[in-house]
Amino acid sequence: MKNDIKIVILGRTDSGKTNFVQKWTKNDFNEKYKSTIVSELGFKIFEKEGKFYRIQLWDLAGQDRNAKLTEIFARDAHGYIIMSNAGNPQIREE
């Protein structure tokens, strides 16, 4: 689509990135945790002033071993959302 807007979702494992994308794109929320392997893509199409826009949300895996892949997938993004899990005491201690 000509009017794609790419937004990359970044954050550590278990920060809620996947559920954020699912809720925003499909109005769905899953209580079970499922780790993203490399990336997942969700999108929503909007119409404004006669033009259609596809907002792409790229959910990137949060594991450190995927850092190089994250760099590749994050290129050409129009914006970023950085997520964290403030309810996880292990993350607060780091």
N, C-alpha and C. Protein backbone atom coordinates (compact mmCIF):
# COMPACT_ATOMS: atom_id res chain seq x y z
N MET A 1 0.84 -1.18 0.00
CA MET A 1 0.00 0.00 0.00
C MET A 1 0.88 1.24 0.00
N LYS A 2 0.51 2.22 -0.76
CA LYS A 2 1.29 3.45 -0.88
C LYS A 2 1.38 4.22 0.44
N ASN A 3 0.34 4.18 1.23
CA ASN A 3 0.29 4.96 2.46
C ASN A 3 0.50 4.10 3.71
N ASP A 4 1.51 3.22 3.65
CA ASP A 4 1.83 2.40 4.82
C ASP A 4 2.56 3.25 5.85
N ILE A 5 2.22 3.01 7.10
CA ILE A 5 2.92 3.65 8.22
C ILE A 5 3.41 2.51 9.11
N LYS A 6 4.73 2.40 9.22
CA LYS A 6 5.35 1.30 9.97
C LYS A 6 5.72 1.77 11.37
N ILE A 7 5.13 1.12 12.36
CA ILE A 7 5.42 1.39 13.77
C ILE A 7 6.02 0.11 14.36
N VAL A 8 7.19 0.23 14.97
CA VAL A 8 7.87 -0.92 15.55
C VAL A 8 7.64 -0.90 17.07
N ILE A 9 7.25 -2.06 17.60
CA ILE A 9 7.01 -2.22 19.04
C ILE A 9 8.25 -2.88 19.63
N LEU A 10 8.91 -2.18 20.56
CA LEU A 10 10.13 -2.68 21.18
C LEU A 10 9.92 -2.88 22.67
N GLY A 11 10.64 -3.82 23.23
CA GLY A 11 10.58 -4.07 24.66
C GLY A 11 11.12 -5.45 24.96
N ARG A 12 11.40 -5.66 26.22
CA ARG A 12 11.92 -6.94 26.66
C ARG A 12 10.85 -8.02 26.55
N THR A 13 11.30 -9.25 26.65
CA THR A 13 10.38 -10.38 26.69
C THR A 13 9.38 -10.18 27.83
N ASP A 14 8.14 -10.55 27.62
CA ASP A 14 7.09 -10.48 28.64
C ASP A 14 6.68 -9.05 29.00
N SER A 15 6.82 -8.13 28.05
CA SER A 15 6.39 -6.76 28.33
C SER A 15 5.00 -6.46 27.78
N GLY A 16 4.39 -7.42 27.08
CA GLY A 16 3.03 -7.25 26.58
C GLY A 16 2.92 -6.75 25.16
N LYS A 17 4.01 -6.79 24.41
CA LYS A 17 4.02 -6.29 23.03
C LYS A 17 2.99 -7.02 22.15
N THR A 18 3.00 -8.34 22.21
CA THR A 18 2.11 -9.13 21.35
C THR A 18 0.65 -8.86 21.69
N ASN A 19 0.30 -8.84 22.96
CA ASN A 19 -1.09 -8.56 23.33
C ASN A 19 -1.51 -7.15 22.96
N PHE A 20 -0.59 -6.19 23.04
CA PHE A 20 -0.89 -4.82 22.61
C PHE A 20 -1.27 -4.81 21.14
N VAL A 21 -0.47 -5.48 20.31
CA VAL A 21 -0.75 -5.52 18.87
C VAL A 21 -2.07 -6.24 18.60
N GLN A 22 -2.30 -7.38 19.26
CA GLN A 22 -3.54 -8.13 19.06
C GLN A 22 -4.77 -7.33 19.48
N LYS A 23 -4.66 -6.63 20.59
CA LYS A 23 -5.79 -5.84 21.08
C LYS A 23 -6.09 -4.69 20.12
N TRP A 24 -5.05 -4.02 19.64
CA TRP A 24 -5.25 -2.86 18.78
C TRP A 24 -5.74 -3.24 17.38
N THR A 25 -5.23 -4.36 16.85
CA THR A 25 -5.59 -4.72 15.48
C THR A 25 -6.81 -5.63 15.37
N LYS A 26 -7.04 -6.50 16.38
CA LYS A 26 -8.12 -7.49 16.29
C LYS A 26 -9.08 -7.44 17.46
N ASN A 27 -8.86 -6.50 18.39
CA ASN A 27 -9.66 -6.40 19.61
C ASN A 27 -9.70 -7.75 20.35
N ASP A 28 -8.52 -8.37 20.42
CA ASP A 28 -8.39 -9.68 21.06
C ASP A 28 -7.30 -9.59 22.12
N PHE A 29 -7.47 -10.34 23.21
CA PHE A 29 -6.47 -10.38 24.28
C PHE A 29 -6.34 -11.81 24.76
N ASN A 30 -5.12 -12.32 24.83
CA ASN A 30 -4.88 -13.69 25.24
C ASN A 30 -4.16 -13.70 26.58
N GLU A 31 -4.75 -14.37 27.57
CA GLU A 31 -4.16 -14.44 28.91
C GLU A 31 -2.90 -15.29 28.95
N LYS A 32 -2.75 -16.23 28.02
CA LYS A 32 -1.59 -17.12 28.01
C LYS A 32 -0.41 -16.43 27.35
N TYR A 33 0.76 -16.57 27.96
CA TYR A 33 1.97 -15.96 27.41
C TYR A 33 2.53 -16.81 26.28
N LYS A 34 2.85 -16.16 25.17
CA LYS A 34 3.46 -16.83 24.02
C LYS A 34 4.60 -15.95 23.54
N SER A 35 5.82 -16.45 23.61
CA SER A 35 6.99 -15.68 23.21
C SER A 35 7.04 -15.53 21.69
N THR A 36 7.32 -14.32 21.22
CA THR A 36 7.48 -14.08 19.79
C THR A 36 8.85 -14.61 19.38
N ILE A 37 8.90 -15.38 18.30
CA ILE A 37 10.15 -15.98 17.86
C ILE A 37 11.05 -14.93 17.19
N VAL A 38 10.63 -14.27 16.16
CA VAL A 38 11.40 -13.21 15.51
C VAL A 38 10.56 -11.95 15.44
N SER A 39 9.46 -12.02 14.71
CA SER A 39 8.57 -10.86 14.63
C SER A 39 7.17 -11.32 14.23
N GLU A 40 6.21 -10.48 14.55
CA GLU A 40 4.84 -10.67 14.11
C GLU A 40 4.33 -9.32 13.64
N LEU A 41 3.42 -9.34 12.71
CA LEU A 41 2.91 -8.12 12.12
C LEU A 41 1.40 -8.07 12.25
N GLY A 42 0.92 -6.94 12.70
CA GLY A 42 -0.52 -6.69 12.74
C GLY A 42 -0.76 -5.35 12.04
N PHE A 43 -1.93 -5.18 11.48
CA PHE A 43 -2.20 -3.90 10.83
C PHE A 43 -3.67 -3.55 10.93
N LYS A 44 -3.92 -2.27 10.73
CA LYS A 44 -5.28 -1.74 10.73
C LYS A 44 -5.33 -0.68 9.62
N ILE A 45 -6.42 -0.66 8.89
CA ILE A 45 -6.57 0.29 7.79
C ILE A 45 -7.52 1.39 8.22
N PHE A 46 -7.10 2.62 7.98
CA PHE A 46 -7.89 3.81 8.30
C PHE A 46 -8.12 4.63 7.04
N GLU A 47 -9.22 5.35 7.03
CA GLU A 47 -9.51 6.27 5.94
C GLU A 47 -9.58 7.67 6.53
N LYS A 48 -8.87 8.58 5.91
CA LYS A 48 -8.91 9.98 6.35
C LYS A 48 -8.85 10.87 5.12
N GLU A 49 -9.85 11.73 5.00
CA GLU A 49 -9.93 12.68 3.89
C GLU A 49 -9.78 11.99 2.54
N GLY A 50 -10.45 10.86 2.39
CA GLY A 50 -10.47 10.15 1.12
C GLY A 50 -9.23 9.31 0.84
N LYS A 51 -8.27 9.28 1.74
CA LYS A 51 -7.06 8.46 1.56
C LYS A 51 -7.10 7.32 2.57
N PHE A 52 -6.61 6.17 2.13
CA PHE A 52 -6.53 5.01 3.01
C PHE A 52 -5.09 4.85 3.50
N TYR A 53 -4.97 4.55 4.78
CA TYR A 53 -3.67 4.35 5.42
C TYR A 53 -3.67 3.00 6.11
N ARG A 54 -2.58 2.28 5.95
CA ARG A 54 -2.42 1.01 6.67
C ARG A 54 -1.35 1.23 7.73
N ILE A 55 -1.79 1.17 8.98
CA ILE A 55 -0.87 1.27 10.11
C ILE A 55 -0.37 -0.14 10.40
N GLN A 56 0.92 -0.36 10.22
CA GLN A 56 1.53 -1.65 10.49
C GLN A 56 2.19 -1.60 11.87
N LEU A 57 1.86 -2.54 12.72
CA LEU A 57 2.52 -2.67 14.01
C LEU A 57 3.41 -3.91 13.96
N TRP A 58 4.71 -3.70 14.05
CA TRP A 58 5.69 -4.77 14.01
C TRP A 58 6.09 -5.12 15.43
N ASP A 59 5.71 -6.30 15.88
CA ASP A 59 6.03 -6.82 17.20
C ASP A 59 7.33 -7.60 17.07
N LEU A 60 8.42 -7.06 17.62
CA LEU A 60 9.72 -7.71 17.51
C LEU A 60 10.05 -8.47 18.79
N ALA A 61 10.69 -9.63 18.62
CA ALA A 61 11.07 -10.47 19.76
C ALA A 61 11.95 -9.69 20.72
N GLY A 62 11.75 -9.90 22.01
CA GLY A 62 12.47 -9.13 23.02
C GLY A 62 13.74 -9.76 23.53
N GLN A 63 14.06 -10.98 23.09
CA GLN A 63 15.26 -11.64 23.59
C GLN A 63 16.52 -10.96 23.05
N ASP A 64 17.55 -10.90 23.88
CA ASP A 64 18.82 -10.29 23.49
C ASP A 64 19.43 -10.95 22.27
N ARG A 65 19.22 -12.25 22.11
CA ARG A 65 19.83 -12.97 20.97
C ARG A 65 19.27 -12.50 19.63
N ASN A 66 18.18 -11.75 19.64
CA ASN A 66 17.57 -11.26 18.41
C ASN A 66 17.92 -9.81 18.10
N ALA A 67 18.91 -9.25 18.77
CA ALA A 67 19.24 -7.82 18.62
C ALA A 67 19.55 -7.45 17.17
N LYS A 68 20.32 -8.25 16.46
CA LYS A 68 20.66 -7.93 15.06
C LYS A 68 19.43 -7.97 14.17
N LEU A 69 18.56 -8.94 14.40
CA LEU A 69 17.32 -9.01 13.61
C LEU A 69 16.43 -7.81 13.91
N THR A 70 16.42 -7.38 15.16
CA THR A 70 15.63 -6.21 15.53
C THR A 70 16.10 -4.99 14.75
N GLU A 71 17.42 -4.82 14.63
CA GLU A 71 17.96 -3.69 13.86
C GLU A 71 17.45 -3.73 12.42
N ILE A 72 17.46 -4.91 11.82
CA ILE A 72 17.04 -5.05 10.42
C ILE A 72 15.55 -4.73 10.27
N PHE A 73 14.72 -5.31 11.14
CA PHE A 73 13.27 -5.09 11.03
C PHE A 73 12.88 -3.66 11.39
N ALA A 74 13.66 -2.98 12.22
CA ALA A 74 13.31 -1.64 12.66
C ALA A 74 13.67 -0.55 11.64
N ARG A 75 14.44 -0.90 10.63
CA ARG A 75 14.80 0.09 9.60
C ARG A 75 13.54 0.61 8.91
N ASP A 76 13.61 1.84 8.51
CA ASP A 76 12.53 2.50 7.75
C ASP A 76 11.23 2.64 8.53
N ALA A 77 11.29 2.52 9.85
CA ALA A 77 10.08 2.70 10.66
C ALA A 77 9.73 4.19 10.73
N HIS A 78 8.46 4.46 10.80
CA HIS A 78 7.98 5.83 10.97
C HIS A 78 7.88 6.22 12.44
N GLY A 79 7.91 5.22 13.30
CA GLY A 79 7.82 5.49 14.73
C GLY A 79 8.06 4.23 15.53
N TYR A 80 8.23 4.41 16.83
CA TYR A 80 8.50 3.30 17.74
C TYR A 80 7.64 3.44 18.98
N ILE A 81 7.26 2.30 19.52
CA ILE A 81 6.60 2.26 20.83
C ILE A 81 7.47 1.36 21.69
N ILE A 82 7.92 1.87 22.82
CA ILE A 82 8.75 1.09 23.72
C ILE A 82 7.89 0.69 24.91
N MET A 83 7.82 -0.62 25.14
CA MET A 83 6.95 -1.15 26.19
C MET A 83 7.80 -1.79 27.29
N SER A 84 7.27 -1.73 28.51
CA SER A 84 7.89 -2.43 29.62
C SER A 84 6.80 -2.99 30.52
N ASN A 85 7.19 -3.91 31.36
CA ASN A 85 6.25 -4.54 32.28
C ASN A 85 6.61 -4.09 33.69
N ALA A 86 6.01 -3.03 34.16
CA ALA A 86 6.31 -2.50 35.50
C ALA A 86 5.85 -3.44 36.60
N GLY A 87 4.99 -4.40 36.28
CA GLY A 87 4.50 -5.35 37.27
C GLY A 87 5.41 -6.56 37.45
N ASN A 88 6.50 -6.63 36.69
CA ASN A 88 7.42 -7.75 36.79
C ASN A 88 8.60 -7.33 37.65
N PRO A 89 8.72 -7.85 38.88
CA PRO A 89 9.80 -7.41 39.79
C PRO A 89 11.19 -7.72 39.25
N GLN A 90 11.33 -8.76 38.45
CA GLN A 90 12.63 -9.09 37.89
C GLN A 90 13.12 -7.97 36.98
N ILE A 91 12.26 -7.38 36.22
CA ILE A 91 12.64 -6.29 35.31
C ILE A 91 13.00 -5.05 36.12
N ARG A 92 12.27 -4.77 37.20
CA ARG A 92 12.55 -3.57 38.00
C ARG A 92 13.92 -3.63 38.66
N GLU A 93 14.41 -4.85 38.96
CA GLU A 93 15.67 -5.00 39.65
C GLU A 93 16.86 -4.77 38.74
N GLU A 94 16.69 -4.89 37.42
CA GLU A 94 17.81 -4.77 36.49
C GLU A 94 18.20 -3.33 36.26
